[in-house]
Amino acid sequence: MQLAEHKDTIVALSTAPGVGAIAVIRMSGDNAIEIADKVFIGKKLARAQSHTLHFGVIAVEGNKIDEVVIGLFKNPRSYTGEDIIEISCHGSPFIQQQILQVLIQAGARLAKPGEFTMRAFLNGKMDLSQAEAVADLIAAQTQASHDIALKQMRSGYGETLKQLRFELIHFASLIELELDFSEEDVEFAERSHMQHLIDKINFELDRLIRSFELGNVIKNGVNTVIAGRPNAGKSTLLNALLNEDRAIVSAIAGTTRDTIEEELNINGIVFRLIDTAGIREAKDEIEKIGVEKTMEKIKTSTLLMYVFDVNTMTTEEVRTDLNNLVEAGDRMLVIANKIDTPEGGKLLAQFFEFKPDAYISSLQKTNIDELKTLMYQKILHDDFNMENIVVTNARHLESLQKARTTLNDVLQSLHNKESGDLTALSIRYALNAIGEITGQVTNEDLLDNIFRNFCIGK
């Protein structure tokens, strides 16, 4: 997507393709109003006020295509910062294509994915982090992901980073000025003030970097693996959490030989539940493959739910299993299952000292709601909450980490009293890394990679 292209007028269907009550066709560019006036029979749009609606007919050579309502948004008070025409027509795919065709014949061209939002960015209507939040908002499937994307689109952390970057530019200019007077050994940039500023920037960067852990699970969900020995009640637990019979349940050990994946929404966080084959020495080739898949899923899990049967397991056996699963780290819930059975009630006492995280009966759905609360708390275990600005974009995380690394290089340079040119070079790297997030530093390849993942018409 060449930046030079953004001088013409683009058009696209902005609603989902297919049959519907209405469809919206959007057009943006210097000639958008002129092109619309060529095919619209109604009020002359060029003479109309901005932000108004107009009823009329789209026709070509006297042939009526459809009765429509046109929304008129004149620059610069529009989404893209250009003149925008939004045509609401009937939702027939035939009508949609006919209108698109006559607009293209009148001088518009078909928009590429994300081109409307790219123009909004290029015309200064939003920074790059806000533009990316538009795509997140469209893709949001839960209340939490919707709220985070909307907060980022409206303000986010872009303004904070811009201000910090502006302050850093001021110090960088003083360092550069010192280089011009290197023979006179003068110092324009107060080093203690610069160190204070870098500490302030690093504090903000660290907060945003830490927030990615939360932001990532809000955006992409939590890979949650249910693991344990055969017949521990893993599939029954999956069914209990989902409140439906999703997995086959049997008293025969080893019923589950492949992974079963389902989604569970808890307070706006999507948990991608993965029921796995039992952990044991396989008795046949198929079961061996199932156990291998289980171990692979465990290694990539965000949350591991280890389930054991209080009727058949001892604390020593549980500890042995947990030692083999140590890679899961602190994102693990140890769940004592089948407490409803007479044997389970008698044997339960041995596990009170061991202290599993939860005591449940998957079959009777005992303490399942409490378990869901534990799952939620295990993911949101730190100081972040839904009111905080959080990072959900992996590209932003990479740039934040790069900026922090380069700023630490600046601090090291100041500490070692290195020459001003080395300090200035490290500052430039940091400025570039911060600028990459908001789009103050960018290139065509980066923009193309970001916006080509948008839907056409946005």
Protein backbone atom coordinates (compact mmCIF):
# COMPACT_ATOMS: atom_id res chain seq x y z
CA MET A 1 0.00 0.00 0.00
CA GLN A 2 1.95 3.02 -1.25
CA LEU A 3 1.52 6.28 0.66
CA ALA A 4 1.38 8.17 -2.66
CA GLU A 5 -1.93 6.43 -3.37
CA HIS A 6 -3.68 8.30 -0.57
CA LYS A 7 -4.62 11.27 -2.71
CA ASP A 8 -7.42 9.58 -4.64
CA THR A 9 -10.97 8.67 -3.62
CA ILE A 10 -11.68 5.20 -2.21
CA VAL A 11 -14.91 3.27 -1.78
CA ALA A 12 -15.87 0.03 -0.04
CA LEU A 13 -18.71 -1.86 1.55
CA SER A 14 -18.42 -1.17 5.30
CA THR A 15 -21.06 -3.61 6.53
CA ALA A 16 -20.65 -7.38 6.43
CA PRO A 17 -21.18 -8.86 2.95
CA GLY A 18 -24.37 -10.81 2.36
CA VAL A 19 -28.11 -10.25 2.65
CA GLY A 20 -29.36 -7.82 5.29
CA ALA A 21 -31.94 -5.14 5.94
CA ILE A 22 -29.50 -2.40 4.96
CA ALA A 23 -25.89 -2.08 3.85
CA VAL A 24 -23.51 0.87 4.22
CA ILE A 25 -21.09 1.87 1.47
CA ARG A 26 -18.39 4.32 2.48
CA MET A 27 -16.42 6.66 0.21
CA SER A 28 -13.56 8.96 1.24
CA GLY A 29 -11.34 11.41 -0.62
CA ASP A 30 -11.09 14.84 -2.23
CA ASN A 31 -13.60 13.90 -4.95
CA ALA A 32 -16.03 11.89 -2.80
CA ILE A 33 -18.78 14.54 -2.82
CA GLU A 34 -18.34 15.28 -6.52
CA ILE A 35 -18.55 11.56 -7.39
CA ALA A 36 -21.65 11.11 -5.23
CA ASP A 37 -23.36 14.07 -6.89
CA LYS A 38 -22.87 12.41 -10.28
CA VAL A 39 -25.06 9.42 -9.33
CA PHE A 40 -27.32 10.81 -6.57
CA ILE A 41 -30.71 12.24 -7.45
CA GLY A 42 -31.67 14.44 -4.55
CA LYS A 43 -30.21 17.49 -2.82
CA LYS A 44 -26.91 18.76 -4.25
CA LEU A 45 -24.41 17.42 -1.71
CA ALA A 46 -21.69 19.94 -2.57
CA ARG A 47 -23.97 22.73 -1.27
CA ALA A 48 -25.22 20.83 1.80
CA GLN A 49 -24.01 21.26 5.34
CA SER A 50 -21.63 18.72 6.86
CA HIS A 51 -22.95 16.04 9.19
CA THR A 52 -26.36 15.87 7.53
CA LEU A 53 -28.50 13.06 6.05
CA HIS A 54 -30.13 13.19 2.64
CA PHE A 55 -32.77 10.93 1.08
CA GLY A 56 -32.71 10.29 -2.64
CA VAL A 57 -32.04 7.81 -5.42
CA ILE A 58 -28.86 6.30 -6.82
CA ALA A 59 -29.23 6.08 -10.58
CA VAL A 60 -27.05 5.79 -13.68
CA GLU A 61 -28.18 7.01 -17.08
CA GLY A 62 -31.70 7.35 -15.77
CA ASN A 63 -31.86 3.79 -14.49
CA LYS A 64 -32.78 3.71 -10.80
CA ILE A 65 -30.69 1.33 -8.68
CA ASP A 66 -32.04 2.02 -5.19
CA GLU A 67 -33.53 4.54 -2.80
CA VAL A 68 -30.85 5.50 -0.30
CA VAL A 69 -29.94 7.76 2.62
CA ILE A 70 -26.59 9.53 2.29
CA GLY A 71 -24.57 10.71 5.27
CA LEU A 72 -22.35 13.69 4.45
CA PHE A 73 -19.18 14.42 6.47
CA LYS A 74 -16.95 17.19 5.17
CA ASN A 75 -13.25 17.48 5.97
CA PRO A 76 -11.64 17.84 8.38
CA ARG A 77 -14.49 16.79 10.71
CA SER A 78 -14.68 13.17 9.60
CA TYR A 79 -13.22 9.78 10.50
CA THR A 80 -10.48 10.01 7.87
CA GLY A 81 -10.04 13.78 7.92
CA GLU A 82 -11.24 13.82 4.29
CA ASP A 83 -14.67 14.29 2.73
CA ILE A 84 -16.69 11.16 3.48
CA ILE A 85 -19.92 9.90 1.93
CA GLU A 86 -21.79 7.04 3.61
CA ILE A 87 -24.57 5.49 1.54
CA SER A 88 -27.19 3.43 3.39
CA CYS A 89 -28.93 1.23 0.83
CA HIS A 90 -31.05 -1.92 0.92
CA GLY A 91 -29.07 -5.00 1.89
CA SER A 92 -29.33 -6.96 -1.36
CA PRO A 93 -25.85 -8.11 -2.52
CA PHE A 94 -26.93 -7.22 -6.07
CA ILE A 95 -27.75 -3.63 -5.05
CA GLN A 96 -24.50 -3.32 -3.10
CA GLN A 97 -22.44 -4.39 -6.10
CA GLN A 98 -24.39 -2.16 -8.49
CA ILE A 99 -23.79 0.94 -6.34
CA LEU A 100 -20.11 0.09 -5.86
CA GLN A 101 -19.75 -0.34 -9.61
CA VAL A 102 -21.32 3.01 -10.52
CA LEU A 103 -19.16 4.82 -7.94
CA ILE A 104 -16.02 3.21 -9.34
CA GLN A 105 -17.08 4.14 -12.88
CA ALA A 106 -17.64 7.71 -11.66
CA GLY A 107 -14.04 8.00 -10.43
CA ALA A 108 -13.55 6.15 -7.14
CA ARG A 109 -11.43 3.06 -6.66
CA LEU A 110 -12.00 0.06 -4.41
CA ALA A 111 -10.37 0.51 -1.00
CA LYS A 112 -7.78 -1.87 0.35
CA PRO A 113 -8.02 -3.48 3.80
CA GLY A 114 -7.71 -0.86 6.55
CA GLU A 115 -7.26 2.01 4.12
CA PHE A 116 -9.90 4.26 5.72
CA THR A 117 -8.22 3.93 9.12
CA MET A 118 -4.77 4.36 7.55
CA ARG A 119 -5.94 7.66 6.12
CA ALA A 120 -7.24 8.66 9.55
CA PHE A 121 -3.73 7.99 10.92
CA LEU A 122 -1.92 9.76 8.06
CA ASN A 123 -4.21 12.78 8.43
CA GLY A 124 -3.56 13.04 12.16
CA LYS A 125 -7.00 11.95 13.34
CA MET A 126 -5.46 9.26 15.56
CA ASP A 127 -2.04 7.86 16.40
CA LEU A 128 -0.92 4.41 15.33
CA SER A 129 -1.72 2.74 18.65
CA GLN A 130 -5.27 4.11 18.46
CA ALA A 131 -5.59 2.92 14.85
CA GLU A 132 -4.62 -0.61 15.88
CA ALA A 133 -7.19 -0.44 18.68
CA VAL A 134 -9.87 0.02 16.01
CA ALA A 135 -9.12 -3.48 14.70
CA ASP A 136 -9.15 -4.84 18.27
CA LEU A 137 -12.53 -3.21 18.89
CA ILE A 138 -14.02 -4.81 15.77
CA ALA A 139 -12.61 -8.22 16.77
CA ALA A 140 -13.70 -7.96 20.44
CA GLN A 141 -15.76 -10.94 21.58
CA THR A 142 -16.11 -10.18 25.30
CA GLN A 143 -16.99 -7.16 27.42
CA ALA A 144 -13.44 -6.99 28.79
CA SER A 145 -11.75 -7.00 25.37
CA HIS A 146 -14.31 -4.43 24.14
CA ASP A 147 -13.64 -2.10 27.09
CA ILE A 148 -9.86 -2.32 26.75
CA ALA A 149 -9.95 -1.66 22.98
CA LEU A 150 -12.36 1.26 23.38
CA LYS A 151 -10.22 2.83 26.11
CA GLN A 152 -7.12 2.51 23.92
CA MET A 153 -8.91 3.91 20.87
CA ARG A 154 -10.16 6.95 22.76
CA SER A 155 -6.95 7.87 24.54
CA GLY A 156 -4.82 4.93 25.60
CA TYR A 157 -1.21 5.43 26.56
CA GLY A 158 -0.20 7.16 23.31
CA GLU A 159 -0.48 10.70 24.74
CA THR A 160 1.61 9.79 27.78
CA LEU A 161 4.35 8.32 25.59
CA LYS A 162 4.25 11.33 23.26
CA GLN A 163 4.80 13.71 26.19
CA LEU A 164 7.65 11.66 27.63
CA ARG A 165 9.21 11.40 24.19
CA PHE A 166 8.94 15.19 23.77
CA GLU A 167 10.83 15.71 27.04
CA LEU A 168 13.47 13.24 25.95
CA ILE A 169 13.87 15.04 22.60
CA HIS A 170 14.59 18.25 24.54
CA PHE A 171 17.49 16.59 26.37
CA ALA A 172 18.69 14.94 23.17
CA SER A 173 18.87 18.35 21.48
CA LEU A 174 21.00 19.68 24.34
CA ILE A 175 23.36 16.72 24.04
CA GLU A 176 23.60 17.31 20.29
CA LEU A 177 24.35 20.98 20.97
CA GLU A 178 27.21 19.98 23.26
CA LEU A 179 28.75 18.06 20.38
CA ASP A 180 28.92 21.29 18.38
CA PHE A 181 30.99 22.83 21.20
CA SER A 182 33.02 19.74 22.05
CA GLU A 183 36.34 21.61 21.90
CA GLU A 184 35.13 24.09 24.52
CA ASP A 185 34.11 21.37 27.03
CA VAL A 186 30.71 22.89 27.85
CA GLU A 187 27.69 21.05 29.30
CA PHE A 188 24.18 22.20 28.36
CA ALA A 189 22.27 19.09 29.47
CA GLU A 190 22.10 18.66 33.24
CA ARG A 191 22.95 14.96 33.76
CA SER A 192 21.03 14.59 37.01
CA HIS A 193 17.88 15.96 35.38
CA MET A 194 18.32 13.58 32.48
CA GLN A 195 18.68 10.61 34.83
CA HIS A 196 15.49 11.68 36.64
CA LEU A 197 13.62 11.88 33.33
CA ILE A 198 14.85 8.44 32.22
CA ASP A 199 13.80 6.97 35.56
CA LYS A 200 10.32 8.51 35.04
CA ILE A 201 10.08 7.11 31.51
CA ASN A 202 11.30 3.69 32.61
CA PHE A 203 8.70 3.62 35.38
CA GLU A 204 5.95 4.15 32.80
CA LEU A 205 7.50 1.64 30.38
CA ASP A 206 7.78 -1.02 33.11
CA ARG A 207 4.13 -0.51 34.07
CA LEU A 208 3.01 -0.94 30.48
CA ILE A 209 5.27 -3.96 29.91
CA ARG A 210 3.89 -5.68 33.02
CA SER A 211 0.36 -4.96 31.87
CA PHE A 212 0.83 -7.01 28.69
CA GLU A 213 0.39 -10.23 30.61
CA LEU A 214 -3.14 -9.14 31.51
CA GLY A 215 -3.79 -7.49 28.17
CA ASN A 216 -2.79 -10.58 26.25
CA VAL A 217 -5.22 -12.84 28.10
CA ILE A 218 -8.03 -10.29 27.75
CA LYS A 219 -7.45 -10.09 24.01
CA ASN A 220 -6.57 -13.70 23.19
CA GLY A 221 -7.95 -15.74 26.07
CA VAL A 222 -6.28 -18.06 28.59
CA ASN A 223 -5.00 -21.44 27.44
CA THR A 224 -6.26 -23.59 30.31
CA VAL A 225 -5.18 -27.23 30.39
CA ILE A 226 -7.05 -29.75 32.55
CA ALA A 227 -4.54 -32.48 33.37
CA GLY A 228 -4.23 -35.42 35.74
CA ARG A 229 -4.10 -39.19 35.85
CA PRO A 230 -6.67 -41.36 34.04
CA ASN A 231 -10.12 -41.40 35.63
CA ALA A 232 -9.37 -38.38 37.81
CA GLY A 233 -12.56 -36.76 36.53
CA LYS A 234 -11.04 -34.33 34.03
CA SER A 235 -13.78 -34.73 31.41
CA THR A 236 -16.48 -34.52 34.07
CA LEU A 237 -14.88 -31.30 35.29
CA LEU A 238 -14.89 -29.90 31.75
CA ASN A 239 -18.60 -30.69 31.47
CA ALA A 240 -19.29 -29.15 34.87
CA LEU A 241 -17.47 -25.92 34.02
CA LEU A 242 -19.33 -25.65 30.71
CA ASN A 243 -22.59 -26.84 32.28
CA GLU A 244 -23.13 -29.22 29.36
CA ASP A 245 -22.12 -32.74 28.34
CA ARG A 246 -19.29 -31.82 25.99
CA ALA A 247 -16.85 -34.66 26.75
CA ILE A 248 -17.54 -38.40 26.91
CA VAL A 249 -17.47 -39.60 30.51
CA SER A 250 -16.80 -43.23 31.47
CA ALA A 251 -15.58 -45.21 34.45
CA ILE A 252 -13.09 -46.83 32.08
CA ALA A 253 -9.69 -45.21 32.51
CA GLY A 254 -8.22 -43.61 29.39
CA THR A 255 -11.49 -42.65 27.67
CA THR A 256 -10.00 -39.35 26.49
CA ARG A 257 -7.25 -40.03 23.98
CA ASP A 258 -7.18 -36.71 22.14
CA THR A 259 -7.56 -33.14 23.36
CA ILE A 260 -10.99 -31.51 23.53
CA GLU A 261 -11.10 -27.71 23.43
CA GLU A 262 -13.96 -25.41 24.47
CA GLU A 263 -14.30 -21.78 25.60
CA LEU A 264 -15.58 -20.55 28.96
CA ASN A 265 -16.24 -16.87 29.69
CA ILE A 266 -15.64 -15.86 33.32
CA ASN A 267 -16.24 -12.16 34.06
CA GLY A 268 -15.19 -11.16 30.55
CA ILE A 269 -12.07 -13.35 30.42
CA VAL A 270 -12.17 -16.21 27.90
CA PHE A 271 -10.67 -19.44 29.23
CA ARG A 272 -9.83 -21.87 26.43
CA LEU A 273 -10.41 -25.15 28.27
CA ILE A 274 -8.39 -28.10 27.01
CA ASP A 275 -9.33 -31.57 28.29
CA THR A 276 -6.38 -33.92 27.87
CA ALA A 277 -5.52 -37.60 27.98
CA GLY A 278 -4.55 -38.96 31.39
CA ILE A 279 -0.93 -38.75 32.48
CA ARG A 280 0.39 -42.30 32.74
CA GLU A 281 2.56 -44.79 30.91
CA ALA A 282 0.68 -45.54 27.69
CA LYS A 283 -0.54 -49.07 27.00
CA ASP A 284 -0.88 -48.70 23.22
CA GLU A 285 0.31 -46.47 20.39
CA ILE A 286 -2.85 -44.33 20.27
CA GLU A 287 -2.76 -43.66 24.00
CA LYS A 288 0.95 -42.84 23.73
CA ILE A 289 0.19 -40.14 21.15
CA GLY A 290 -2.55 -38.78 23.45
CA VAL A 291 -0.17 -38.56 26.42
CA GLU A 292 2.46 -36.83 24.27
CA LYS A 293 -0.14 -34.28 23.18
CA THR A 294 -1.05 -33.74 26.82
CA MET A 295 2.54 -32.89 27.75
CA GLU A 296 2.81 -30.53 24.77
CA LYS A 297 -0.37 -28.71 25.82
CA ILE A 298 0.84 -28.45 29.42
CA LYS A 299 4.08 -26.78 28.29
CA THR A 300 2.17 -24.11 26.36
CA SER A 301 -0.58 -23.56 28.92
CA THR A 302 -1.20 -20.24 30.63
CA LEU A 303 -3.15 -21.92 33.42
CA LEU A 304 -2.77 -25.57 34.40
CA MET A 305 -5.57 -27.23 36.36
CA TYR A 306 -4.20 -30.43 37.88
CA VAL A 307 -7.03 -32.73 38.97
CA PHE A 308 -6.63 -35.79 41.20
CA ASP A 309 -9.00 -38.38 42.68
CA VAL A 310 -9.03 -38.26 46.50
CA ASN A 311 -10.17 -41.92 46.50
CA THR A 312 -7.12 -43.36 44.76
CA MET A 313 -4.25 -40.89 45.18
CA THR A 314 -1.91 -40.26 48.09
CA THR A 315 -0.19 -36.99 48.90
CA GLU A 316 3.12 -38.53 47.80
CA GLU A 317 1.70 -39.45 44.39
CA VAL A 318 0.25 -35.97 43.96
CA ARG A 319 3.59 -34.40 44.85
CA THR A 320 5.33 -36.66 42.32
CA ASP A 321 2.95 -35.52 39.58
CA LEU A 322 3.40 -31.88 40.51
CA ASN A 323 7.19 -32.20 40.45
CA ASN A 324 6.92 -33.48 36.90
CA LEU A 325 4.74 -30.49 35.99
CA VAL A 326 6.93 -27.84 37.60
CA GLU A 327 7.30 -25.95 34.30
CA ALA A 328 3.75 -24.67 34.74
CA GLY A 329 5.06 -22.43 37.54
CA ASP A 330 2.67 -20.46 39.73
CA ARG A 331 -0.16 -20.54 37.18
CA MET A 332 -1.42 -23.86 38.49
CA LEU A 333 -4.49 -24.90 40.42
CA VAL A 334 -4.36 -28.19 42.31
CA ILE A 335 -7.88 -29.63 42.50
CA ALA A 336 -9.01 -32.48 44.75
CA ASN A 337 -11.93 -34.19 43.01
CA LYS A 338 -14.64 -36.72 43.96
CA ILE A 339 -15.14 -35.49 47.52
CA ASP A 340 -18.80 -36.59 47.26
CA THR A 341 -18.04 -40.32 47.48
CA PRO A 342 -18.02 -42.11 50.85
CA GLU A 343 -14.43 -43.14 50.29
CA GLY A 344 -13.53 -39.61 49.27
CA GLY A 345 -14.97 -38.22 52.47
CA LYS A 346 -12.94 -40.66 54.58
CA LEU A 347 -9.68 -40.11 52.70
CA LEU A 348 -10.02 -36.36 52.38
CA ALA A 349 -8.34 -35.63 55.71
CA GLN A 350 -4.89 -36.58 54.40
CA PHE A 351 -5.04 -33.71 51.89
CA PHE A 352 -5.94 -30.94 54.31
CA GLU A 353 -2.32 -30.66 55.39
CA PHE A 354 -1.25 -30.76 51.74
CA LYS A 355 -3.77 -27.97 50.98
CA PRO A 356 -4.98 -28.25 47.37
CA ASP A 357 -6.43 -25.05 45.95
CA ALA A 358 -9.93 -26.50 45.63
CA TYR A 359 -12.03 -29.45 46.86
CA ILE A 360 -14.75 -30.31 44.36
CA SER A 361 -17.10 -32.93 43.05
CA SER A 362 -17.27 -32.61 39.27
CA LEU A 363 -20.13 -35.11 39.16
CA GLN A 364 -22.28 -33.25 41.69
CA LYS A 365 -20.94 -29.83 40.62
CA THR A 366 -19.91 -29.12 44.19
CA ASN A 367 -17.78 -25.93 44.55
CA ILE A 368 -17.64 -25.40 40.77
CA ASP A 369 -18.60 -21.72 41.06
CA GLU A 370 -15.88 -21.26 43.68
CA LEU A 371 -13.42 -22.94 41.30
CA LYS A 372 -14.35 -20.49 38.54
CA THR A 373 -13.62 -17.63 40.94
CA LEU A 374 -10.20 -19.16 41.67
CA MET A 375 -9.49 -19.46 37.95
CA TYR A 376 -10.27 -15.79 37.44
CA GLN A 377 -8.20 -14.70 40.44
CA LYS A 378 -5.26 -16.83 39.36
CA ILE A 379 -5.01 -14.87 36.12
CA LEU A 380 -5.73 -11.45 37.64
CA HIS A 381 -3.44 -12.00 40.58
CA ASP A 382 -1.58 -8.68 40.44
CA ASP A 383 -2.50 -5.01 40.84
CA PHE A 384 -4.00 -4.56 37.40
CA ASN A 385 -7.74 -4.21 36.92
CA MET A 386 -10.13 -3.32 34.15
CA GLU A 387 -9.76 0.42 34.87
CA ASN A 388 -6.03 0.40 34.06
CA ILE A 389 -4.62 1.10 30.61
CA VAL A 390 -3.08 -2.17 29.49
CA VAL A 391 -1.00 -3.25 26.50
CA THR A 392 -2.65 -5.88 24.31
CA ASN A 393 -0.51 -5.55 21.18
CA ALA A 394 2.63 -7.70 20.78
CA ARG A 395 4.19 -5.07 18.49
CA HIS A 396 3.81 -2.45 21.21
CA LEU A 397 5.37 -4.79 23.77
CA GLU A 398 8.40 -5.33 21.56
CA SER A 399 8.87 -1.57 21.09
CA LEU A 400 8.41 -0.91 24.81
CA GLN A 401 11.06 -3.50 25.67
CA LYS A 402 13.39 -2.07 23.05
CA ALA A 403 12.89 1.44 24.45
CA ARG A 404 13.59 0.29 28.00
CA THR A 405 16.79 -1.49 26.90
CA THR A 406 18.07 1.57 25.03
CA LEU A 407 17.21 3.89 27.92
CA ASN A 408 19.19 1.63 30.24
CA ASP A 409 22.06 2.03 27.78
CA VAL A 410 21.70 5.81 28.18
CA LEU A 411 21.85 5.48 31.97
CA GLN A 412 24.93 3.28 31.67
CA SER A 413 26.50 5.84 29.37
CA LEU A 414 25.83 8.62 31.87
CA HIS A 415 27.17 6.53 34.74
CA ASN A 416 30.38 5.75 32.82
CA LYS A 417 30.69 9.40 31.74
CA GLU A 418 31.00 8.34 28.13
CA SER A 419 31.32 10.82 25.28
CA GLY A 420 28.24 12.80 24.29
CA ASP A 421 28.03 11.21 20.83
CA LEU A 422 27.54 7.72 22.32
CA THR A 423 24.91 9.04 24.74
CA ALA A 424 23.14 10.86 21.91
CA LEU A 425 23.12 7.70 19.79
CA SER A 426 21.48 5.68 22.60
CA ILE A 427 18.87 8.42 23.07
CA ARG A 428 18.06 8.34 19.34
CA TYR A 429 17.47 4.58 19.51
CA ALA A 430 15.14 5.08 22.49
CA LEU A 431 13.24 7.86 20.72
CA ASN A 432 12.76 5.64 17.68
CA ALA A 433 11.46 2.73 19.77
CA ILE A 434 8.92 4.93 21.60
CA GLY A 435 7.93 6.64 18.36
CA GLU A 436 7.23 3.31 16.67
CA ILE A 437 4.30 2.71 19.03
CA THR A 438 2.43 5.92 18.24
CA GLY A 439 3.56 6.18 14.63
CA GLN A 440 5.84 9.20 15.07
CA VAL A 441 8.53 6.94 13.60
CA THR A 442 7.30 4.58 10.91
CA ASN A 443 7.76 3.27 7.39
CA GLU A 444 5.56 1.96 4.60
CA ASP A 445 6.33 -1.71 5.32
CA LEU A 446 5.21 -1.34 8.94
CA LEU A 447 1.99 0.44 7.98
CA ASP A 448 1.22 -2.10 5.28
CA ASN A 449 1.74 -4.97 7.72
CA ILE A 450 -0.59 -3.38 10.29
CA PHE A 451 -3.46 -2.25 8.08
CA ARG A 452 -3.63 -5.20 5.70
CA ASN A 453 -5.06 -7.23 8.61
CA PHE A 454 -8.05 -4.89 8.87
CA CYS A 455 -11.34 -5.68 7.19
CA ILE A 456 -12.09 -3.85 3.94
CA GLY A 457 -14.25 -0.80 4.57
CA LYS A 458 -12.64 0.16 7.88
